[in-house]
Amino acid sequence: MQQIELPEGYYHSNFNTLIEHAKNHYVDLLRPEELKWITDYHSLDLPAQRLLVRLYSRKGEWFRSDKLNYAEIPDLDSALKQLAQHRFISLPTAVDTEILCHSILTKPELLKLFPTLGKSLPKSNLVHLACDECKEVLTQQLEFTLLHLEYSAFLATLTTLFFANARQDLSQFVLSDLGLHHFEQYSLSKELRFFNRRAEVEQLLSLAQVSDRYYQMEKSASKIDKLEYLSALLETLIEAMPVNIEHSYVSRRYQRLINNIARDFERLEDFDKAIQLFEKSTLAPSRERRVRILIKRDRLNEAKTLVEQMLAAPQDEPEHEVAQRLHQQLNRKLGIKAVRASKPTIASHHIELDLCAQRVESAVAHHLEQSGWQAYFLENTFLTGLFGLAFWDVIYAPIEGAFLNAYQVGPKDLYTPEFTEKRQQLIDTRKEELQRLGFAELERVYQCKQGLTNPFVHWPMFDLAVLQHAKRCLSMEELLGLFEVILGDIRSFRTGMPDLIAFKDNDYRWIEVKGPGDKLQDNQIRWFKQFSKLGIKAEVCYVNH
């Protein structure tokens, strides 16, 4: 494969895209100092702009000039001078000793600056002793120019406005630059923009900071001996969380973090605090965890009421399944006789195959081909590929808040109930079109969109031959029934489909393959229940059982 070289300054062009996006879509949300930053940035010459972007792409805020070697920035001193004049960086005359010794100097450099310190000591001890000797170091003593990046928080604002993620790097641009991703062209306008108030941006930024602190705490939690201290840390995070959130995306991020923190309180056996937090979230598994805590505390009637609410209006299919299991458990504890849920009848057969030379799915596919079937090992990519073709224009429809930038694989609300709710009329119209036009419409979309990114279409595994087989063997009515299942809960039904799809003449079979010791997973059983309801031909093939 021929190596693709990125053009010189590609990173600078991509950074300019962030700035133009903010100006074009969110100029009314930018603060005066941010608008001034943009004006000052454009007043820099090209090398200075490139150096600034290079600094933003590196970690930290302190840098040394001898580590800034870029071929496209030949006069580093001139670029540094410009950045300092416009206050993008500062060139301090003195620097805090701890910052210098801990983050900037190597151990040999530290010893050269403080020659009286013992060479055999570890660096952490040397830093401590250097700080005792003096609080600040004059930068003229250093063999390089020390610089500090100013107002770096604006980068987080720019990336949040573009990606809805303060930690997003610019790798998505690079994938496009390399030609690895070719994105669909969809509507981007100020009227359909993702954020409408500056408070929404600030809440997401604040949430990102709390989330970072939480995951850092999680990494070091095993080293924290006192549970009271861990509990206090969690309380501090809760206090730092934004309030009065209205933006749906920010709200989902908030609720996911709340669920994580509540689960930690549950593990600490602070059940009252855990329930209090879980009640702030509507996302699964908040209700399940509340039920389990109530059961543990022998508050069975409260638990039963909550389970019945879950059964009446489940968040998704997995919550419905867990609610059924919890309902059975509570009935037993309360002495209530209940009809046991019947297990789905799943067609199956057993075969003996040699698995020494190939994986079990390939062995079954080969076995089927000996009987005249054409078998494809596609797992989830077959049905989701057909779904992606069928609802392509629905996925990329101009819906408010769905798209932030031109580099998205799919809309931001794709795996939420809002996706279907906001597009129900479009979906209904599309289903009518598919009934009328049939597989010819899927073939048209295939030819028209081939190679463009789509969250459901995996082009390397979904070739035209598969589509032709589907056209001959499957009816559009069957497909629309399966699509309806996916649309009802995209997150839960995007996986769990059988390994193989096999065709023979005008017949087909979906086949889940299980090797020795393997059994059906919940998401697979979920699909077999739907196949049974729709009269879809599907079975399990157990090998060497």
Protein backbone atom coordinates (compact mmCIF):
# COMPACT_ATOMS: atom_id res chain seq x y z
CA MET A 1 0.00 0.00 0.00
CA GLN A 2 1.46 3.35 -1.04
CA GLN A 3 2.19 5.65 1.87
CA ILE A 4 0.18 8.87 1.76
CA GLU A 5 2.04 12.04 2.74
CA LEU A 6 0.16 14.88 4.35
CA PRO A 7 0.77 18.32 2.83
CA GLU A 8 2.99 20.76 4.72
CA GLY A 9 0.98 22.77 7.21
CA TYR A 10 -2.05 20.44 7.15
CA TYR A 11 -2.43 20.84 10.92
CA HIS A 12 -2.55 24.64 10.50
CA SER A 13 -5.31 24.38 7.88
CA ASN A 14 -7.31 22.10 10.15
CA PHE A 15 -6.94 24.49 13.08
CA ASN A 16 -8.15 27.34 10.87
CA THR A 17 -11.23 25.21 10.18
CA LEU A 18 -12.01 25.28 13.93
CA ILE A 19 -11.74 29.07 13.95
CA GLU A 20 -13.86 29.57 10.83
CA HIS A 21 -16.49 27.21 12.20
CA ALA A 22 -16.72 29.24 15.43
CA LYS A 23 -16.98 32.51 13.47
CA ASN A 24 -19.54 31.21 10.98
CA HIS A 25 -21.86 29.42 13.40
CA TYR A 26 -21.24 30.79 16.90
CA VAL A 27 -19.95 34.33 16.61
CA ASP A 28 -22.80 35.52 18.87
CA LEU A 29 -21.70 33.06 21.57
CA LEU A 30 -18.05 34.16 21.58
CA ARG A 31 -16.78 36.56 24.25
CA PRO A 32 -15.03 39.85 23.37
CA GLU A 33 -11.64 38.49 24.45
CA GLU A 34 -12.18 35.44 22.24
CA LEU A 35 -13.05 37.57 19.23
CA LYS A 36 -9.91 39.63 19.92
CA TRP A 37 -7.90 36.40 20.09
CA ILE A 38 -9.13 35.47 16.61
CA THR A 39 -8.34 38.94 15.23
CA ASP A 40 -4.84 38.83 16.74
CA TYR A 41 -4.30 35.32 15.44
CA HIS A 42 -5.05 36.41 11.88
CA SER A 43 -2.58 39.29 12.24
CA LEU A 44 0.31 36.84 12.75
CA ASP A 45 2.43 35.78 9.81
CA LEU A 46 2.25 32.16 8.63
CA PRO A 47 5.23 30.74 10.59
CA ALA A 48 3.99 32.28 13.85
CA GLN A 49 0.51 30.89 13.31
CA ARG A 50 1.95 27.46 12.62
CA LEU A 51 4.12 27.57 15.73
CA LEU A 52 1.12 28.52 17.88
CA VAL A 53 -0.89 25.61 16.49
CA ARG A 54 2.08 23.28 17.10
CA LEU A 55 2.15 24.42 20.73
CA TYR A 56 -1.58 23.79 21.09
CA SER A 57 -1.10 20.26 19.79
CA ARG A 58 1.41 19.44 22.54
CA LYS A 59 0.70 18.66 26.17
CA GLY A 60 1.12 21.21 28.91
CA GLU A 61 1.58 24.98 28.98
CA TRP A 62 5.36 25.28 29.51
CA PHE A 63 7.78 24.74 26.64
CA ARG A 64 11.49 25.10 25.94
CA SER A 65 12.75 26.49 22.65
CA ASP A 66 15.34 23.75 22.08
CA LYS A 67 12.51 21.21 21.78
CA LEU A 68 10.66 23.16 19.09
CA ASN A 69 12.24 22.00 15.85
CA TYR A 70 9.93 22.26 12.83
CA ALA A 71 11.17 22.42 9.23
CA GLU A 72 8.28 24.69 8.18
CA ILE A 73 9.23 27.25 10.90
CA PRO A 74 12.83 28.17 9.94
CA ASP A 75 13.11 31.34 12.09
CA LEU A 76 11.91 30.19 15.51
CA ASP A 77 13.09 33.32 17.35
CA SER A 78 11.08 35.60 15.06
CA ALA A 79 7.94 33.46 15.49
CA LEU A 80 8.38 33.44 19.28
CA LYS A 81 8.79 37.22 19.29
CA GLN A 82 5.54 37.70 17.36
CA LEU A 83 3.62 35.36 19.65
CA ALA A 84 4.95 37.19 22.70
CA GLN A 85 4.09 40.62 21.24
CA HIS A 86 0.46 39.54 20.80
CA ARG A 87 0.45 37.82 24.20
CA PHE A 88 -0.20 34.33 22.85
CA ILE A 89 2.83 33.32 24.89
CA SER A 90 4.85 34.90 27.67
CA LEU A 91 8.64 34.77 28.04
CA PRO A 92 9.07 35.02 31.81
CA THR A 93 12.23 36.39 33.39
CA ALA A 94 11.76 34.04 36.36
CA VAL A 95 9.99 30.74 36.86
CA ASP A 96 8.78 28.81 39.89
CA THR A 97 11.46 26.31 40.87
CA GLU A 98 9.09 23.39 41.30
CA ILE A 99 7.54 23.89 37.84
CA LEU A 100 10.98 24.21 36.26
CA CYS A 101 12.59 21.24 37.96
CA HIS A 102 9.63 18.90 37.88
CA SER A 103 8.18 19.53 34.42
CA ILE A 104 10.91 21.09 32.29
CA LEU A 105 14.42 20.07 33.32
CA THR A 106 15.95 16.61 33.06
CA LYS A 107 17.78 15.26 36.10
CA PRO A 108 21.26 16.09 34.67
CA GLU A 109 20.08 19.64 33.88
CA LEU A 110 18.68 20.00 37.39
CA LEU A 111 22.00 18.90 38.90
CA LYS A 112 23.90 21.33 36.67
CA LEU A 113 21.68 24.19 37.87
CA PHE A 114 21.96 23.05 41.51
CA PRO A 115 25.45 21.46 41.69
CA THR A 116 25.46 21.13 45.50
CA LEU A 117 22.67 18.54 45.47
CA GLY A 118 23.48 14.83 45.79
CA LYS A 119 23.64 13.02 42.46
CA SER A 120 22.47 9.70 43.89
CA LEU A 121 19.12 11.06 45.03
CA PRO A 122 15.97 10.37 42.96
CA LYS A 123 14.67 13.30 40.96
CA SER A 124 11.62 13.82 43.20
CA ASN A 125 13.92 14.38 46.19
CA LEU A 126 16.14 16.70 44.17
CA VAL A 127 13.12 18.81 43.19
CA HIS A 128 12.16 19.13 46.85
CA LEU A 129 15.68 20.19 47.87
CA ALA A 130 15.94 22.66 44.96
CA CYS A 131 12.69 24.30 46.10
CA ASP A 132 14.13 24.64 49.61
CA GLU A 133 17.19 26.36 48.16
CA CYS A 134 15.20 28.96 46.18
CA LYS A 135 11.59 29.59 45.20
CA GLU A 136 12.28 31.01 41.75
CA VAL A 137 14.94 30.61 39.08
CA LEU A 138 15.96 33.39 36.69
CA THR A 139 15.39 32.15 33.13
CA GLN A 140 18.61 33.81 31.93
CA GLN A 141 20.42 30.98 33.74
CA LEU A 142 18.87 28.46 31.35
CA GLU A 143 20.44 27.31 28.08
CA PHE A 144 17.16 27.71 26.21
CA THR A 145 14.27 30.15 25.98
CA LEU A 146 11.42 29.23 28.30
CA LEU A 147 7.91 30.10 27.18
CA HIS A 148 4.44 29.80 28.66
CA LEU A 149 1.34 29.32 26.51
CA GLU A 150 -1.30 31.89 27.44
CA TYR A 151 -5.08 31.64 27.23
CA SER A 152 -4.91 27.98 26.24
CA ALA A 153 -8.45 27.42 27.54
CA PHE A 154 -9.78 28.91 24.30
CA LEU A 155 -8.64 25.77 22.49
CA ALA A 156 -11.07 23.73 24.61
CA THR A 157 -13.85 26.16 23.65
CA LEU A 158 -13.02 25.87 19.95
CA THR A 159 -12.93 22.07 20.00
CA THR A 160 -16.16 21.93 22.02
CA LEU A 161 -17.94 24.15 19.50
CA PHE A 162 -16.68 21.91 16.70
CA PHE A 163 -16.78 18.40 18.19
CA ALA A 164 -18.94 18.81 21.35
CA ASN A 165 -15.90 17.38 23.12
CA ALA A 166 -13.22 19.48 24.82
CA ARG A 167 -10.70 16.63 24.67
CA GLN A 168 -11.12 15.87 20.97
CA ASP A 169 -7.88 16.11 19.04
CA LEU A 170 -7.64 16.87 15.33
CA SER A 171 -7.15 13.25 14.24
CA GLN A 172 -10.54 13.20 12.50
CA PHE A 173 -9.25 15.86 10.13
CA VAL A 174 -6.17 13.75 9.45
CA LEU A 175 -8.28 10.70 8.55
CA SER A 176 -10.06 12.86 6.01
CA ASP A 177 -6.79 14.38 4.76
CA LEU A 178 -5.42 10.87 4.22
CA GLY A 179 -8.49 9.90 2.22
CA LEU A 180 -9.40 7.20 4.76
CA HIS A 181 -12.78 8.79 5.47
CA HIS A 182 -15.09 10.34 2.89
CA PHE A 183 -17.96 12.05 4.65
CA GLU A 184 -21.52 12.57 3.47
CA GLN A 185 -22.41 16.18 2.74
CA TYR A 186 -25.23 17.28 5.01
CA SER A 187 -26.75 20.59 5.94
CA LEU A 188 -24.81 22.80 8.37
CA SER A 189 -26.38 26.13 9.17
CA LYS A 190 -26.71 28.58 12.01
CA GLU A 191 -30.41 27.70 12.24
CA LEU A 192 -29.64 24.00 12.82
CA ARG A 193 -26.57 24.48 14.99
CA PHE A 194 -25.79 22.31 18.00
CA PHE A 195 -25.48 25.02 20.67
CA ASN A 196 -27.79 27.99 21.03
CA ARG A 197 -26.59 29.51 24.30
CA ARG A 198 -23.13 30.12 25.73
CA ALA A 199 -24.29 28.49 28.97
CA GLU A 200 -24.62 25.18 27.11
CA VAL A 201 -21.00 25.37 26.01
CA GLU A 202 -19.83 26.28 29.50
CA GLN A 203 -21.82 23.43 31.04
CA LEU A 204 -20.23 20.93 28.67
CA LEU A 205 -16.76 22.32 29.39
CA SER A 206 -17.41 22.17 33.11
CA LEU A 207 -18.69 18.62 32.81
CA ALA A 208 -15.57 17.61 30.90
CA GLN A 209 -13.37 18.96 33.69
CA VAL A 210 -15.35 17.08 36.35
CA SER A 211 -15.22 13.94 34.22
CA ASP A 212 -11.44 14.23 33.90
CA ARG A 213 -11.10 14.60 37.67
CA TYR A 214 -13.40 11.61 38.20
CA TYR A 215 -11.42 9.28 35.96
CA GLN A 216 -8.14 10.42 37.50
CA MET A 217 -9.65 9.62 40.89
CA GLU A 218 -10.78 6.21 39.62
CA LYS A 219 -7.21 5.41 38.55
CA SER A 220 -5.85 6.20 42.01
CA ALA A 221 -8.82 4.86 44.01
CA SER A 222 -7.04 1.59 44.82
CA LYS A 223 -4.31 3.60 46.58
CA ILE A 224 -6.79 5.45 48.80
CA ASP A 225 -7.03 3.61 52.11
CA LYS A 226 -9.67 5.69 53.88
CA LEU A 227 -13.18 5.22 52.51
CA GLU A 228 -14.26 8.50 54.12
CA TYR A 229 -11.65 10.32 52.04
CA LEU A 230 -12.89 8.66 48.84
CA SER A 231 -16.45 9.60 49.71
CA ALA A 232 -15.38 13.21 50.30
CA LEU A 233 -13.69 13.29 46.89
CA LEU A 234 -16.90 12.11 45.24
CA GLU A 235 -18.88 14.77 47.11
CA THR A 236 -16.47 17.40 45.80
CA LEU A 237 -17.11 16.24 42.25
CA ILE A 238 -20.87 16.43 42.72
CA GLU A 239 -20.57 20.01 44.00
CA ALA A 240 -18.60 20.96 40.88
CA MET A 241 -21.23 19.55 38.49
CA PRO A 242 -23.18 22.08 36.39
CA VAL A 243 -26.86 22.66 37.21
CA ASN A 244 -30.01 23.57 35.32
CA ILE A 245 -28.95 21.69 32.19
CA GLU A 246 -31.40 21.92 29.29
CA HIS A 247 -29.35 20.77 26.28
CA SER A 248 -30.20 17.11 25.64
CA TYR A 249 -26.66 16.05 24.72
CA VAL A 250 -25.12 17.77 27.76
CA SER A 251 -27.84 16.23 29.92
CA ARG A 252 -26.99 12.71 28.72
CA ARG A 253 -23.31 13.30 29.49
CA TYR A 254 -24.28 14.58 32.95
CA GLN A 255 -26.51 11.59 33.67
CA ARG A 256 -23.86 9.06 32.59
CA LEU A 257 -21.39 10.63 35.01
CA ILE A 258 -24.00 10.79 37.77
CA ASN A 259 -24.66 7.06 37.29
CA ASN A 260 -20.95 6.32 37.65
CA ILE A 261 -20.59 8.38 40.82
CA ALA A 262 -23.79 6.89 42.28
CA ARG A 263 -22.44 3.40 41.60
CA ASP A 264 -19.30 4.30 43.56
CA PHE A 265 -21.41 5.39 46.53
CA GLU A 266 -23.30 2.11 46.24
CA ARG A 267 -20.01 0.19 46.41
CA LEU A 268 -19.07 2.28 49.48
CA GLU A 269 -22.42 1.12 50.94
CA ASP A 270 -23.66 4.70 51.25
CA PHE A 271 -27.02 3.57 49.90
CA ASP A 272 -28.97 6.73 50.74
CA LYS A 273 -26.54 8.86 48.75
CA ALA A 274 -26.49 6.35 45.90
CA ILE A 275 -30.29 6.35 45.59
CA GLN A 276 -30.39 10.15 45.82
CA LEU A 277 -28.00 10.38 42.86
CA PHE A 278 -29.59 7.61 40.80
CA GLU A 279 -32.89 9.50 41.11
CA LYS A 280 -31.26 12.39 39.22
CA SER A 281 -30.75 10.18 36.17
CA THR A 282 -33.25 8.72 33.74
CA LEU A 283 -30.58 6.73 31.90
CA ALA A 284 -30.18 3.02 32.47
CA PRO A 285 -29.09 1.44 34.74
CA SER A 286 -30.26 4.07 37.27
CA ARG A 287 -33.64 2.42 37.99
CA GLU A 288 -32.14 -1.08 38.05
CA ARG A 289 -29.53 -0.01 40.64
CA ARG A 290 -32.22 1.64 42.79
CA VAL A 291 -34.25 -1.56 42.71
CA ARG A 292 -31.25 -3.66 43.73
CA ILE A 293 -30.44 -1.30 46.61
CA LEU A 294 -34.07 -1.40 47.78
CA ILE A 295 -34.04 -5.20 47.68
CA LYS A 296 -30.79 -5.28 49.66
CA ARG A 297 -32.39 -3.02 52.29
CA ASP A 298 -35.54 -5.17 52.35
CA ARG A 299 -37.77 -2.38 51.01
CA LEU A 300 -39.50 -4.85 48.72
CA ASN A 301 -42.76 -3.02 48.06
CA GLU A 302 -40.91 0.12 46.95
CA ALA A 303 -38.73 -2.04 44.74
CA LYS A 304 -41.78 -3.74 43.23
CA THR A 305 -43.41 -0.39 42.41
CA LEU A 306 -40.26 0.78 40.65
CA VAL A 307 -39.92 -2.49 38.70
CA GLU A 308 -43.52 -2.18 37.52
CA GLN A 309 -42.69 1.32 36.25
CA MET A 310 -39.74 -0.15 34.36
CA LEU A 311 -41.95 -2.83 32.82
CA ALA A 312 -44.61 -0.30 31.83
CA ALA A 313 -42.17 2.15 30.21
CA PRO A 314 -38.67 0.68 29.79
CA GLN A 315 -35.83 2.94 28.69
CA ASP A 316 -34.68 0.28 26.23
CA GLU A 317 -34.87 -3.45 25.62
CA PRO A 318 -32.03 -4.39 28.03
CA GLU A 319 -33.81 -2.52 30.84
CA HIS A 320 -37.03 -4.33 29.96
CA GLU A 321 -35.24 -7.68 30.17
CA VAL A 322 -33.63 -6.92 33.53
CA ALA A 323 -36.98 -5.63 34.83
CA GLN A 324 -38.58 -8.98 33.97
CA ARG A 325 -35.88 -10.83 35.91
CA LEU A 326 -36.19 -8.48 38.89
CA HIS A 327 -39.98 -8.86 38.83
CA GLN A 328 -39.65 -12.64 39.12
CA GLN A 329 -37.14 -12.25 41.97
CA LEU A 330 -39.40 -9.86 43.89
CA ASN A 331 -42.45 -12.06 43.44
CA ARG A 332 -40.55 -14.98 44.99
CA LYS A 333 -39.42 -12.84 47.92
CA LEU A 334 -42.97 -11.53 48.47
CA GLY A 335 -44.47 -14.98 48.17
CA ILE A 336 -46.44 -14.08 45.06
CA LYS A 337 -47.02 -16.89 42.62
CA ALA A 338 -46.20 -15.71 39.15
CA VAL A 339 -46.16 -17.30 35.75
CA ARG A 340 -42.58 -17.96 34.74
CA ALA A 341 -41.60 -16.22 31.52
CA SER A 342 -41.41 -18.70 28.69
CA LYS A 343 -38.14 -19.05 26.85
CA PRO A 344 -38.24 -18.44 23.12
CA THR A 345 -38.24 -21.47 20.86
CA ILE A 346 -35.09 -21.28 18.77
CA ALA A 347 -34.45 -23.69 15.92
CA SER A 348 -31.09 -25.41 16.28
CA HIS A 349 -29.02 -28.31 15.04
CA HIS A 350 -25.71 -29.93 15.95
CA ILE A 351 -22.86 -30.91 13.64
CA GLU A 352 -19.36 -32.31 13.96
CA LEU A 353 -16.62 -30.39 12.14
CA ASP A 354 -12.83 -30.25 12.16
CA LEU A 355 -11.91 -26.91 13.73
CA CYS A 356 -8.14 -27.34 13.69
CA ALA A 357 -7.42 -25.19 10.64
CA GLN A 358 -10.12 -22.50 10.74
CA ARG A 359 -12.44 -20.65 13.04
CA VAL A 360 -15.81 -22.19 13.70
CA GLU A 361 -17.86 -19.68 11.65
CA SER A 362 -15.73 -20.26 8.55
CA ALA A 363 -15.96 -24.02 9.03
CA VAL A 364 -19.77 -23.85 9.12
CA ALA A 365 -19.84 -21.56 6.07
CA HIS A 366 -17.69 -24.07 4.17
CA HIS A 367 -19.96 -26.91 5.31
CA LEU A 368 -23.02 -25.05 4.01
CA GLU A 369 -21.35 -24.32 0.68
CA GLN A 370 -20.81 -28.06 0.18
CA SER A 371 -24.61 -28.38 0.32
CA GLY A 372 -25.15 -25.70 -2.31
CA TRP A 373 -25.60 -22.66 -0.06
CA GLN A 374 -23.76 -19.36 -0.50
CA ALA A 375 -22.80 -18.34 3.04
CA TYR A 376 -21.47 -14.95 4.12
CA PHE A 377 -19.81 -14.41 7.49
CA LEU A 378 -21.07 -10.86 8.09
CA GLU A 379 -22.38 -10.84 11.68
CA ASN A 380 -24.01 -7.44 12.29
CA THR A 381 -22.90 -5.85 9.03
CA PHE A 382 -25.51 -7.48 6.77
CA LEU A 383 -28.77 -6.21 8.24
CA THR A 384 -27.29 -2.93 9.48
CA GLY A 385 -25.85 -2.39 5.98
CA LEU A 386 -29.28 -2.79 4.44
CA PHE A 387 -30.70 -0.50 7.12
CA GLY A 388 -28.07 2.15 6.39
CA LEU A 389 -28.88 2.09 2.67
CA ALA A 390 -32.62 2.16 3.29
CA PHE A 391 -32.57 5.15 5.65
CA TRP A 392 -29.53 7.01 4.34
CA ASP A 393 -31.31 10.31 3.78
CA VAL A 394 -33.10 10.02 7.13
CA ILE A 395 -29.78 9.54 8.95
CA TYR A 396 -28.35 12.68 7.32
CA ALA A 397 -31.55 14.74 7.39
CA PRO A 398 -31.23 18.43 8.39
CA ILE A 399 -32.36 18.16 12.01
CA GLU A 400 -31.52 20.81 14.62
CA GLY A 401 -28.53 19.80 16.74
CA ALA A 402 -27.79 16.62 14.77
CA PHE A 403 -24.54 17.77 13.17
CA LEU A 404 -21.80 20.05 14.47
CA ASN A 405 -19.28 19.82 11.66
CA ALA A 406 -18.59 18.25 8.28
CA TYR A 407 -16.62 15.32 9.75
CA GLN A 408 -19.31 13.24 11.45
CA VAL A 409 -20.04 9.62 10.64
CA GLY A 410 -23.60 10.06 11.89
CA PRO A 411 -25.85 12.46 13.83
CA LYS A 412 -25.18 13.12 17.52
CA ASP A 413 -28.56 11.76 18.62
CA LEU A 414 -28.29 8.52 16.62
CA TYR A 415 -28.34 6.12 19.57
CA THR A 416 -31.02 7.94 21.55
CA PRO A 417 -34.83 7.74 21.44
CA GLU A 418 -34.77 11.28 20.02
CA PHE A 419 -33.40 10.02 16.72
CA THR A 420 -36.63 8.25 15.80
CA GLU A 421 -38.91 10.76 17.53
CA LYS A 422 -37.51 13.77 15.64
CA ARG A 423 -37.60 11.97 12.28
CA GLN A 424 -40.79 9.94 12.54
CA GLN A 425 -42.49 11.63 9.60
CA LEU A 426 -39.36 11.18 7.45
CA ILE A 427 -39.17 7.53 8.49
CA ASP A 428 -42.81 6.89 7.63
CA THR A 429 -42.38 8.52 4.23
CA ARG A 430 -39.25 6.50 3.57
CA LYS A 431 -40.97 3.21 4.44
CA GLU A 432 -43.71 4.02 1.94
CA GLU A 433 -41.07 4.71 -0.72
CA LEU A 434 -39.32 1.41 0.00
CA GLN A 435 -42.58 -0.51 -0.28
CA ARG A 436 -43.19 1.13 -3.64
CA LEU A 437 -39.67 1.02 -5.08
CA GLY A 438 -38.37 -2.20 -3.51
CA PHE A 439 -34.76 -3.37 -3.67
CA ALA A 440 -34.10 -1.23 -6.74
CA GLU A 441 -34.01 1.74 -4.37
CA LEU A 442 -31.38 0.07 -2.15
CA GLU A 443 -29.29 -0.66 -5.25
CA ARG A 444 -29.58 2.98 -6.31
CA VAL A 445 -28.38 4.22 -2.93
CA TYR A 446 -25.57 1.65 -2.96
CA GLN A 447 -24.28 2.89 -6.31
CA CYS A 448 -24.74 6.55 -5.41
CA LYS A 449 -23.18 6.48 -1.92
CA GLN A 450 -20.54 3.77 -2.21
CA GLY A 451 -17.45 4.65 -0.17
CA LEU A 452 -19.04 7.40 1.93
CA THR A 453 -19.00 6.93 5.69
CA ASN A 454 -22.20 5.68 7.28
CA PRO A 455 -22.53 4.35 10.85
CA PHE A 456 -24.32 1.24 9.55
CA VAL A 457 -22.65 0.45 6.22
CA HIS A 458 -19.28 -1.27 6.45
CA TRP A 459 -18.27 -1.14 2.80
CA PRO A 460 -15.37 -3.67 2.88
CA MET A 461 -17.78 -6.42 4.01
CA PHE A 462 -20.90 -5.31 2.17
CA ASP A 463 -20.46 -5.81 -1.56
CA LEU A 464 -23.04 -5.74 -4.33
CA ALA A 465 -23.22 -9.55 -4.50
CA VAL A 466 -24.67 -9.66 -0.97
CA LEU A 467 -27.29 -7.09 -1.94
CA GLN A 468 -28.21 -9.10 -5.04
CA HIS A 469 -28.70 -12.25 -2.94
CA ALA A 470 -30.89 -10.32 -0.51
CA LYS A 471 -32.96 -8.98 -3.41
CA ARG A 472 -33.63 -12.50 -4.67
CA CYS A 473 -34.37 -14.16 -1.33
CA LEU A 474 -35.80 -11.58 1.07
CA SER A 475 -39.03 -9.64 0.67
CA MET A 476 -39.23 -5.92 1.36
CA GLU A 477 -41.98 -6.66 3.89
CA GLU A 478 -39.57 -8.85 5.87
CA LEU A 479 -36.89 -6.20 5.72
CA LEU A 480 -39.22 -3.42 6.83
CA GLY A 481 -40.25 -5.54 9.80
CA LEU A 482 -36.61 -5.95 10.80
CA PHE A 483 -35.93 -2.26 10.23
CA GLU A 484 -38.83 -1.41 12.54
CA VAL A 485 -37.12 -3.45 15.27
CA ILE A 486 -33.89 -1.49 14.84
CA LEU A 487 -35.68 1.86 14.76
CA GLY A 488 -37.41 1.00 18.02
CA ASP A 489 -34.09 0.78 19.88
CA ILE A 490 -31.06 1.40 17.69
CA ARG A 491 -28.51 1.12 20.50
CA SER A 492 -29.77 -2.27 21.69
CA PHE A 493 -30.43 -3.83 18.27
CA ARG A 494 -27.35 -2.69 16.38
CA THR A 495 -25.57 -5.84 17.58
CA GLY A 496 -26.46 -9.45 18.37
CA MET A 497 -27.37 -10.52 14.84
CA PRO A 498 -26.41 -14.03 13.68
CA ASP A 499 -22.92 -14.71 12.34
CA LEU A 500 -23.90 -16.05 8.93
CA ILE A 501 -26.44 -15.21 6.27
CA ALA A 502 -26.81 -18.07 3.79
CA PHE A 503 -28.62 -18.12 0.45
CA LYS A 504 -29.70 -20.96 -1.82
CA ASP A 505 -31.87 -20.42 -4.88
CA ASN A 506 -34.70 -18.27 -3.50
CA ASP A 507 -34.23 -19.40 0.09
CA TYR A 508 -32.20 -17.93 2.95
CA ARG A 509 -31.16 -18.69 6.54
CA TRP A 510 -29.72 -16.59 9.32
CA ILE A 511 -27.37 -18.81 11.30
CA GLU A 512 -25.76 -18.12 14.66
CA VAL A 513 -22.71 -20.36 15.11
CA LYS A 514 -21.67 -21.67 18.51
CA GLY A 515 -18.48 -23.59 19.10
CA PRO A 516 -17.76 -25.91 22.03
CA GLY A 517 -18.73 -24.32 25.34
CA ASP A 518 -20.27 -21.24 23.75
CA LYS A 519 -23.86 -20.16 24.39
CA LEU A 520 -26.30 -17.50 23.24
CA GLN A 521 -25.84 -14.03 24.70
CA ASP A 522 -28.67 -11.75 25.80
CA ASN A 523 -28.45 -9.53 22.71
CA GLN A 524 -28.54 -12.62 20.46
CA ILE A 525 -31.59 -14.07 22.23
CA ARG A 526 -33.16 -10.64 21.85
CA TRP A 527 -32.86 -10.91 18.07
CA PHE A 528 -34.14 -14.50 17.92
CA LYS A 529 -37.29 -13.36 19.74
CA GLN A 530 -37.83 -10.76 17.02
CA PHE A 531 -37.12 -13.28 14.26
CA SER A 532 -39.78 -15.55 15.76
CA LYS A 533 -42.36 -12.74 15.90
CA LEU A 534 -41.70 -11.78 12.28
CA GLY A 535 -41.48 -15.30 10.88
CA ILE A 536 -37.85 -14.80 9.81
CA LYS A 537 -35.84 -17.96 9.12
CA ALA A 538 -33.08 -18.14 11.73
CA GLU A 539 -31.36 -20.93 13.64
CA VAL A 540 -28.41 -21.80 15.85
CA CYS A 541 -25.74 -24.21 14.67
CA TYR A 542 -23.87 -25.92 17.54
CA VAL A 543 -20.55 -27.37 16.42
CA ASN A 544 -18.94 -30.40 18.11
CA HIS A 545 -21.41 -30.30 21.01
